[in-house]
Structures are given as structure tokens and as C-alpha cells.
Amino acid sequence: MANLSKTLSETDVDVRFSVPSRWFKENLYSRFGGNFVLDLPVKDRSGEVQSFRFSVRTKGKHLKPVISRGWRKFVRAKGLKAGNKIVFVRENDPEIGTEYTVDVIKEIKLFGTDIQGRV
């Protein structure tokens, strides 16, 4: 499974995380089993487990996958803003029951120079 790396938009931060359809179809679609939602525990950099609900449209031919439940709480906790980057990495941790980790990468200004830092 490929990693997912995405720069956050205003909608991603303020409403819900829009999951790229191609990545979704290649990595999660088969796990939905005819349902419209999938709850997926994800471990963040601090080791805390986040529960994200992936969902797709119930009508129409385009799935439009999003992360809805759990996402806004994560955004607030991490202080995310548009322009920050999110990276989902397939990394099994059977001990705590997670399959993915999520990294947050923010632009940080250090001594007048922009650098990226993981949060």
C-alpha cells in the first residue's frame, strides 16, 4: 500500500479531509465491503490512537471519499492550518491495533528561514 501525502486545503481544515479517490480505491475501497463507512484507528506521532471514519457518498457514480468523524478533533488538537501537510504511512502496530500512522508536517520559520517540522 502506498503512502498518502497531502497538503491541507481550507476545506480539509475547516470541514472534513477529502481523500484522493485514486489512493482510496487502491488502498481502502475493498475493505468497505459494500458499506459506506469504515472506522480506522490511526496512530499519530506521539503514539496516541485516533479513530477516523472514512466515508463515501451513498448516491452518484463518484465516491468522493472523506474522513469525517474524528478529523476535526485531530485538527484542533494539532493546531492544523491550510498549507500544512498530512502523511498517512502504512505501518502495522498489532499491539495497539493500528495499521497506519499519521504525520503532520508544518512550515516553521526559524531565524527567518522556512523549514518543515513534524508535529
N, C-alpha and C. Protein backbone atom coordinates (compact mmCIF):
# COMPACT_ATOMS: atom_id res chain seq x y z
N MET A 1 0.83 -1.18 0.00
CA MET A 1 0.00 0.00 0.00
C MET A 1 0.87 1.24 0.00
N ALA A 2 0.49 2.16 -0.80
CA ALA A 2 1.25 3.40 -0.93
C ALA A 2 0.89 4.37 0.20
N ASN A 3 1.83 5.21 0.52
CA ASN A 3 1.58 6.27 1.50
C ASN A 3 0.73 7.34 0.85
N LEU A 4 0.02 8.09 1.69
CA LEU A 4 -0.77 9.22 1.22
C LEU A 4 -0.17 10.49 1.79
N SER A 5 0.22 11.40 0.93
CA SER A 5 0.77 12.68 1.34
C SER A 5 -0.08 13.78 0.70
N LYS A 6 -0.59 14.70 1.53
CA LYS A 6 -1.47 15.73 1.00
C LYS A 6 -1.27 17.04 1.76
N THR A 7 -1.20 18.13 1.01
CA THR A 7 -1.19 19.47 1.61
C THR A 7 -2.64 19.85 1.88
N LEU A 8 -2.91 20.30 3.10
CA LEU A 8 -4.28 20.58 3.51
C LEU A 8 -4.83 21.85 2.88
N SER A 9 -6.08 21.75 2.45
CA SER A 9 -6.81 22.92 1.93
C SER A 9 -7.64 23.51 3.07
N GLU A 10 -8.29 24.65 2.82
CA GLU A 10 -9.18 25.26 3.81
C GLU A 10 -10.31 24.29 4.17
N THR A 11 -10.88 23.63 3.17
CA THR A 11 -11.97 22.67 3.42
C THR A 11 -11.48 21.51 4.26
N ASP A 12 -10.27 21.02 3.98
CA ASP A 12 -9.71 19.92 4.77
C ASP A 12 -9.61 20.31 6.25
N VAL A 13 -9.27 21.54 6.51
CA VAL A 13 -9.07 22.01 7.88
C VAL A 13 -10.40 22.37 8.55
N ASP A 14 -11.28 23.05 7.82
CA ASP A 14 -12.50 23.59 8.42
C ASP A 14 -13.68 22.63 8.44
N VAL A 15 -13.72 21.66 7.52
CA VAL A 15 -14.91 20.82 7.39
C VAL A 15 -14.58 19.33 7.52
N ARG A 16 -13.89 18.78 6.54
CA ARG A 16 -13.55 17.36 6.51
C ARG A 16 -12.36 17.18 5.56
N PHE A 17 -11.65 16.08 5.75
CA PHE A 17 -10.48 15.77 4.94
C PHE A 17 -10.92 15.03 3.70
N SER A 18 -10.68 15.61 2.55
CA SER A 18 -11.03 14.99 1.28
C SER A 18 -9.89 14.04 0.88
N VAL A 19 -10.23 12.76 0.79
CA VAL A 19 -9.24 11.72 0.48
C VAL A 19 -9.13 11.58 -1.04
N PRO A 20 -7.92 11.64 -1.59
CA PRO A 20 -7.77 11.45 -3.03
C PRO A 20 -8.37 10.11 -3.47
N SER A 21 -9.26 10.17 -4.47
CA SER A 21 -10.00 8.98 -4.91
C SER A 21 -9.10 7.84 -5.35
N ARG A 22 -8.05 8.16 -6.08
CA ARG A 22 -7.16 7.10 -6.58
C ARG A 22 -6.52 6.33 -5.42
N TRP A 23 -6.00 7.06 -4.43
CA TRP A 23 -5.38 6.41 -3.27
C TRP A 23 -6.42 5.58 -2.53
N PHE A 24 -7.61 6.14 -2.36
CA PHE A 24 -8.68 5.44 -1.68
C PHE A 24 -9.02 4.12 -2.38
N LYS A 25 -9.19 4.17 -3.68
CA LYS A 25 -9.56 2.95 -4.43
C LYS A 25 -8.46 1.90 -4.34
N GLU A 26 -7.21 2.32 -4.38
CA GLU A 26 -6.09 1.38 -4.34
C GLU A 26 -5.84 0.81 -2.95
N ASN A 27 -6.24 1.54 -1.90
CA ASN A 27 -5.83 1.15 -0.55
C ASN A 27 -6.95 0.77 0.41
N LEU A 28 -8.11 1.38 0.31
CA LEU A 28 -9.16 1.13 1.30
C LEU A 28 -10.48 0.64 0.74
N TYR A 29 -10.77 0.89 -0.50
CA TYR A 29 -12.09 0.61 -1.05
C TYR A 29 -12.53 -0.83 -0.83
N SER A 30 -11.65 -1.77 -1.02
CA SER A 30 -12.02 -3.19 -0.89
C SER A 30 -12.42 -3.54 0.54
N ARG A 31 -12.00 -2.77 1.50
CA ARG A 31 -12.31 -3.05 2.90
C ARG A 31 -13.70 -2.56 3.31
N PHE A 32 -14.34 -1.76 2.46
CA PHE A 32 -15.67 -1.25 2.78
C PHE A 32 -16.73 -2.33 2.70
N GLY A 33 -16.52 -3.36 1.87
CA GLY A 33 -17.44 -4.48 1.78
C GLY A 33 -18.88 -4.09 1.52
N GLY A 34 -19.12 -3.13 0.63
CA GLY A 34 -20.48 -2.71 0.31
C GLY A 34 -21.05 -1.67 1.26
N ASN A 35 -20.34 -1.34 2.32
CA ASN A 35 -20.80 -0.30 3.25
C ASN A 35 -20.35 1.07 2.76
N PHE A 36 -20.80 2.10 3.44
CA PHE A 36 -20.44 3.47 3.07
C PHE A 36 -19.49 4.12 4.07
N VAL A 37 -19.17 3.40 5.14
CA VAL A 37 -18.26 3.93 6.16
C VAL A 37 -17.27 2.86 6.60
N LEU A 38 -16.11 3.31 7.05
CA LEU A 38 -15.08 2.43 7.60
C LEU A 38 -14.38 3.19 8.72
N ASP A 39 -14.45 2.66 9.93
CA ASP A 39 -13.73 3.27 11.05
C ASP A 39 -12.33 2.67 11.08
N LEU A 40 -11.34 3.54 11.09
CA LEU A 40 -9.95 3.09 11.00
C LEU A 40 -9.14 3.75 12.11
N PRO A 41 -8.60 2.97 13.05
CA PRO A 41 -7.71 3.54 14.06
C PRO A 41 -6.35 3.86 13.44
N VAL A 42 -5.85 5.05 13.75
CA VAL A 42 -4.58 5.53 13.20
C VAL A 42 -3.75 6.08 14.35
N LYS A 43 -2.46 5.74 14.36
CA LYS A 43 -1.56 6.20 15.42
C LYS A 43 -0.87 7.48 14.97
N ASP A 44 -0.87 8.51 15.84
CA ASP A 44 -0.15 9.73 15.49
C ASP A 44 1.29 9.66 16.01
N ARG A 45 2.07 10.68 15.73
CA ARG A 45 3.49 10.69 16.06
C ARG A 45 3.76 10.52 17.55
N SER A 46 2.83 10.99 18.40
CA SER A 46 3.01 10.88 19.85
C SER A 46 2.62 9.50 20.37
N GLY A 47 2.11 8.63 19.48
CA GLY A 47 1.70 7.29 19.90
C GLY A 47 0.23 7.20 20.27
N GLU A 48 -0.47 8.32 20.24
CA GLU A 48 -1.89 8.33 20.56
C GLU A 48 -2.69 7.79 19.38
N VAL A 49 -3.71 6.99 19.68
CA VAL A 49 -4.53 6.42 18.63
C VAL A 49 -5.72 7.33 18.35
N GLN A 50 -5.88 7.68 17.09
CA GLN A 50 -7.00 8.48 16.62
C GLN A 50 -7.94 7.54 15.88
N SER A 51 -9.23 7.72 16.03
CA SER A 51 -10.19 6.92 15.27
C SER A 51 -10.80 7.81 14.20
N PHE A 52 -10.49 7.52 12.95
CA PHE A 52 -11.03 8.29 11.83
C PHE A 52 -12.09 7.47 11.12
N ARG A 53 -13.17 8.13 10.74
CA ARG A 53 -14.21 7.47 9.96
C ARG A 53 -14.08 7.91 8.51
N PHE A 54 -13.73 6.95 7.67
CA PHE A 54 -13.70 7.17 6.23
C PHE A 54 -15.10 6.90 5.71
N SER A 55 -15.61 7.77 4.86
CA SER A 55 -16.94 7.55 4.30
C SER A 55 -16.96 7.95 2.83
N VAL A 56 -17.94 7.38 2.11
CA VAL A 56 -18.13 7.69 0.70
C VAL A 56 -19.59 8.05 0.48
N ARG A 57 -19.86 8.68 -0.65
CA ARG A 57 -21.24 9.03 -1.00
C ARG A 57 -22.10 7.78 -1.13
N THR A 58 -23.36 7.95 -0.78
CA THR A 58 -24.30 6.84 -0.92
C THR A 58 -24.98 6.86 -2.28
N LYS A 59 -24.89 7.98 -3.00
CA LYS A 59 -25.52 8.11 -4.32
C LYS A 59 -24.53 8.71 -5.31
N GLY A 60 -24.80 8.48 -6.58
CA GLY A 60 -23.94 9.03 -7.62
C GLY A 60 -22.84 8.07 -7.99
N LYS A 61 -22.17 8.38 -9.11
CA LYS A 61 -21.13 7.46 -9.58
C LYS A 61 -19.75 7.77 -9.02
N HIS A 62 -19.56 8.98 -8.46
CA HIS A 62 -18.26 9.34 -7.88
C HIS A 62 -18.32 9.12 -6.36
N LEU A 63 -17.36 8.41 -5.82
CA LEU A 63 -17.36 8.06 -4.41
C LEU A 63 -17.14 9.26 -3.49
N LYS A 64 -16.26 10.19 -3.88
CA LYS A 64 -15.91 11.36 -3.06
C LYS A 64 -15.55 10.96 -1.62
N PRO A 65 -14.51 10.15 -1.42
CA PRO A 65 -14.15 9.70 -0.08
C PRO A 65 -13.65 10.84 0.80
N VAL A 66 -14.04 10.80 2.07
CA VAL A 66 -13.63 11.81 3.05
C VAL A 66 -13.37 11.13 4.39
N ILE A 67 -12.63 11.85 5.23
CA ILE A 67 -12.55 11.46 6.64
C ILE A 67 -13.46 12.45 7.36
N SER A 68 -14.45 11.94 8.03
CA SER A 68 -15.39 12.81 8.71
C SER A 68 -15.18 12.72 10.22
N ARG A 69 -15.76 11.74 10.86
CA ARG A 69 -15.70 11.64 12.31
C ARG A 69 -14.25 11.48 12.80
N GLY A 70 -13.92 12.26 13.82
CA GLY A 70 -12.59 12.21 14.42
C GLY A 70 -11.61 13.20 13.81
N TRP A 71 -11.87 13.65 12.60
CA TRP A 71 -10.94 14.52 11.90
C TRP A 71 -10.84 15.90 12.53
N ARG A 72 -11.98 16.56 12.81
CA ARG A 72 -11.96 17.93 13.37
C ARG A 72 -11.28 17.95 14.73
N LYS A 73 -11.50 16.93 15.53
CA LYS A 73 -10.84 16.83 16.84
C LYS A 73 -9.33 16.78 16.65
N PHE A 74 -8.88 16.01 15.68
CA PHE A 74 -7.46 15.90 15.38
C PHE A 74 -6.90 17.24 14.91
N VAL A 75 -7.64 17.93 14.04
CA VAL A 75 -7.22 19.24 13.52
C VAL A 75 -7.01 20.22 14.67
N ARG A 76 -7.98 20.28 15.58
CA ARG A 76 -7.88 21.20 16.72
C ARG A 76 -6.72 20.82 17.63
N ALA A 77 -6.58 19.53 17.92
CA ALA A 77 -5.52 19.08 18.82
C ALA A 77 -4.12 19.39 18.28
N LYS A 78 -3.96 19.30 16.98
CA LYS A 78 -2.65 19.53 16.36
C LYS A 78 -2.47 20.97 15.87
N GLY A 79 -3.51 21.79 15.97
CA GLY A 79 -3.41 23.17 15.51
C GLY A 79 -3.15 23.28 14.01
N LEU A 80 -3.81 22.43 13.23
CA LEU A 80 -3.56 22.40 11.79
C LEU A 80 -4.15 23.60 11.08
N LYS A 81 -3.49 23.99 10.01
CA LYS A 81 -3.92 25.09 9.16
C LYS A 81 -3.75 24.68 7.70
N ALA A 82 -4.46 25.38 6.84
CA ALA A 82 -4.28 25.14 5.40
C ALA A 82 -2.81 25.35 5.06
N GLY A 83 -2.27 24.49 4.24
CA GLY A 83 -0.86 24.56 3.88
C GLY A 83 0.00 23.55 4.62
N ASN A 84 -0.48 23.09 5.80
CA ASN A 84 0.23 22.02 6.50
C ASN A 84 0.09 20.74 5.67
N LYS A 85 0.97 19.80 5.91
CA LYS A 85 0.93 18.55 5.14
C LYS A 85 0.60 17.39 6.09
N ILE A 86 -0.20 16.46 5.59
CA ILE A 86 -0.55 15.23 6.31
C ILE A 86 0.02 14.06 5.52
N VAL A 87 0.63 13.11 6.22
CA VAL A 87 1.17 11.92 5.57
C VAL A 87 0.66 10.69 6.33
N PHE A 88 -0.11 9.85 5.62
CA PHE A 88 -0.53 8.57 6.17
C PHE A 88 0.46 7.53 5.68
N VAL A 89 1.02 6.76 6.61
CA VAL A 89 2.01 5.75 6.30
C VAL A 89 1.50 4.40 6.78
N ARG A 90 1.55 3.41 5.90
CA ARG A 90 1.15 2.06 6.29
C ARG A 90 2.23 1.51 7.20
N GLU A 91 1.87 1.31 8.45
CA GLU A 91 2.83 0.86 9.45
C GLU A 91 2.06 0.09 10.52
N ASN A 92 1.99 -1.21 10.38
CA ASN A 92 1.22 -2.05 11.30
C ASN A 92 1.78 -1.99 12.72
N ASP A 93 0.88 -1.87 13.67
CA ASP A 93 1.22 -1.98 15.08
C ASP A 93 0.18 -2.88 15.72
N PRO A 94 0.37 -4.21 15.62
CA PRO A 94 -0.64 -5.14 16.12
C PRO A 94 -0.88 -5.02 17.62
N GLU A 95 0.11 -4.52 18.34
CA GLU A 95 -0.03 -4.38 19.79
C GLU A 95 -1.17 -3.43 20.16
N ILE A 96 -1.30 -2.34 19.41
CA ILE A 96 -2.39 -1.39 19.72
C ILE A 96 -3.47 -1.39 18.65
N GLY A 97 -3.34 -2.26 17.66
CA GLY A 97 -4.39 -2.44 16.67
C GLY A 97 -4.49 -1.37 15.61
N THR A 98 -3.37 -0.78 15.24
CA THR A 98 -3.39 0.22 14.18
C THR A 98 -2.66 -0.31 12.95
N GLU A 99 -3.05 0.21 11.82
CA GLU A 99 -2.44 -0.19 10.56
C GLU A 99 -1.71 0.97 9.90
N TYR A 100 -2.09 2.19 10.27
CA TYR A 100 -1.50 3.40 9.70
C TYR A 100 -1.01 4.33 10.81
N THR A 101 0.02 5.10 10.47
CA THR A 101 0.40 6.22 11.32
C THR A 101 0.13 7.48 10.51
N VAL A 102 -0.05 8.58 11.20
CA VAL A 102 -0.28 9.85 10.54
C VAL A 102 0.76 10.84 11.05
N ASP A 103 1.43 11.49 10.12
CA ASP A 103 2.41 12.54 10.43
C ASP A 103 1.85 13.87 10.00
N VAL A 104 2.14 14.89 10.79
CA VAL A 104 1.78 16.26 10.45
C VAL A 104 3.08 17.00 10.19
N ILE A 105 3.16 17.66 9.05
CA ILE A 105 4.35 18.43 8.71
C ILE A 105 3.93 19.90 8.56
N LYS A 106 4.54 20.76 9.36
CA LYS A 106 4.21 22.18 9.33
C LYS A 106 5.42 22.98 8.87
N GLU A 107 5.14 24.08 8.19
CA GLU A 107 6.19 25.03 7.84
C GLU A 107 6.50 25.84 9.10
N ILE A 108 7.76 25.93 9.44
CA ILE A 108 8.19 26.66 10.62
C ILE A 108 9.22 27.69 10.19
N LYS A 109 9.09 28.89 10.71
CA LYS A 109 10.07 29.93 10.41
C LYS A 109 11.10 29.93 11.54
N LEU A 110 12.35 29.68 11.21
CA LEU A 110 13.42 29.61 12.19
C LEU A 110 14.52 30.56 11.75
N PHE A 111 14.73 31.58 12.53
CA PHE A 111 15.73 32.59 12.22
C PHE A 111 15.54 33.14 10.80
N GLY A 112 14.26 33.38 10.45
CA GLY A 112 13.95 33.97 9.16
C GLY A 112 13.95 33.00 7.99
N THR A 113 14.18 31.70 8.27
CA THR A 113 14.21 30.70 7.22
C THR A 113 13.06 29.73 7.41
N ASP A 114 12.33 29.44 6.34
CA ASP A 114 11.24 28.47 6.40
C ASP A 114 11.81 27.06 6.36
N ILE A 115 11.41 26.26 7.34
CA ILE A 115 11.80 24.85 7.38
C ILE A 115 10.54 24.03 7.67
N GLN A 116 10.61 22.74 7.42
CA GLN A 116 9.48 21.86 7.74
C GLN A 116 9.79 21.09 9.01
N GLY A 117 8.75 20.98 9.84
CA GLY A 117 8.90 20.23 11.08
C GLY A 117 7.75 19.29 11.28
N ARG A 118 8.03 18.11 11.78
CA ARG A 118 6.98 17.12 12.07
C ARG A 118 6.43 17.42 13.45
N VAL A 119 5.11 17.29 13.56
CA VAL A 119 4.43 17.57 14.83
C VAL A 119 3.82 16.29 15.36
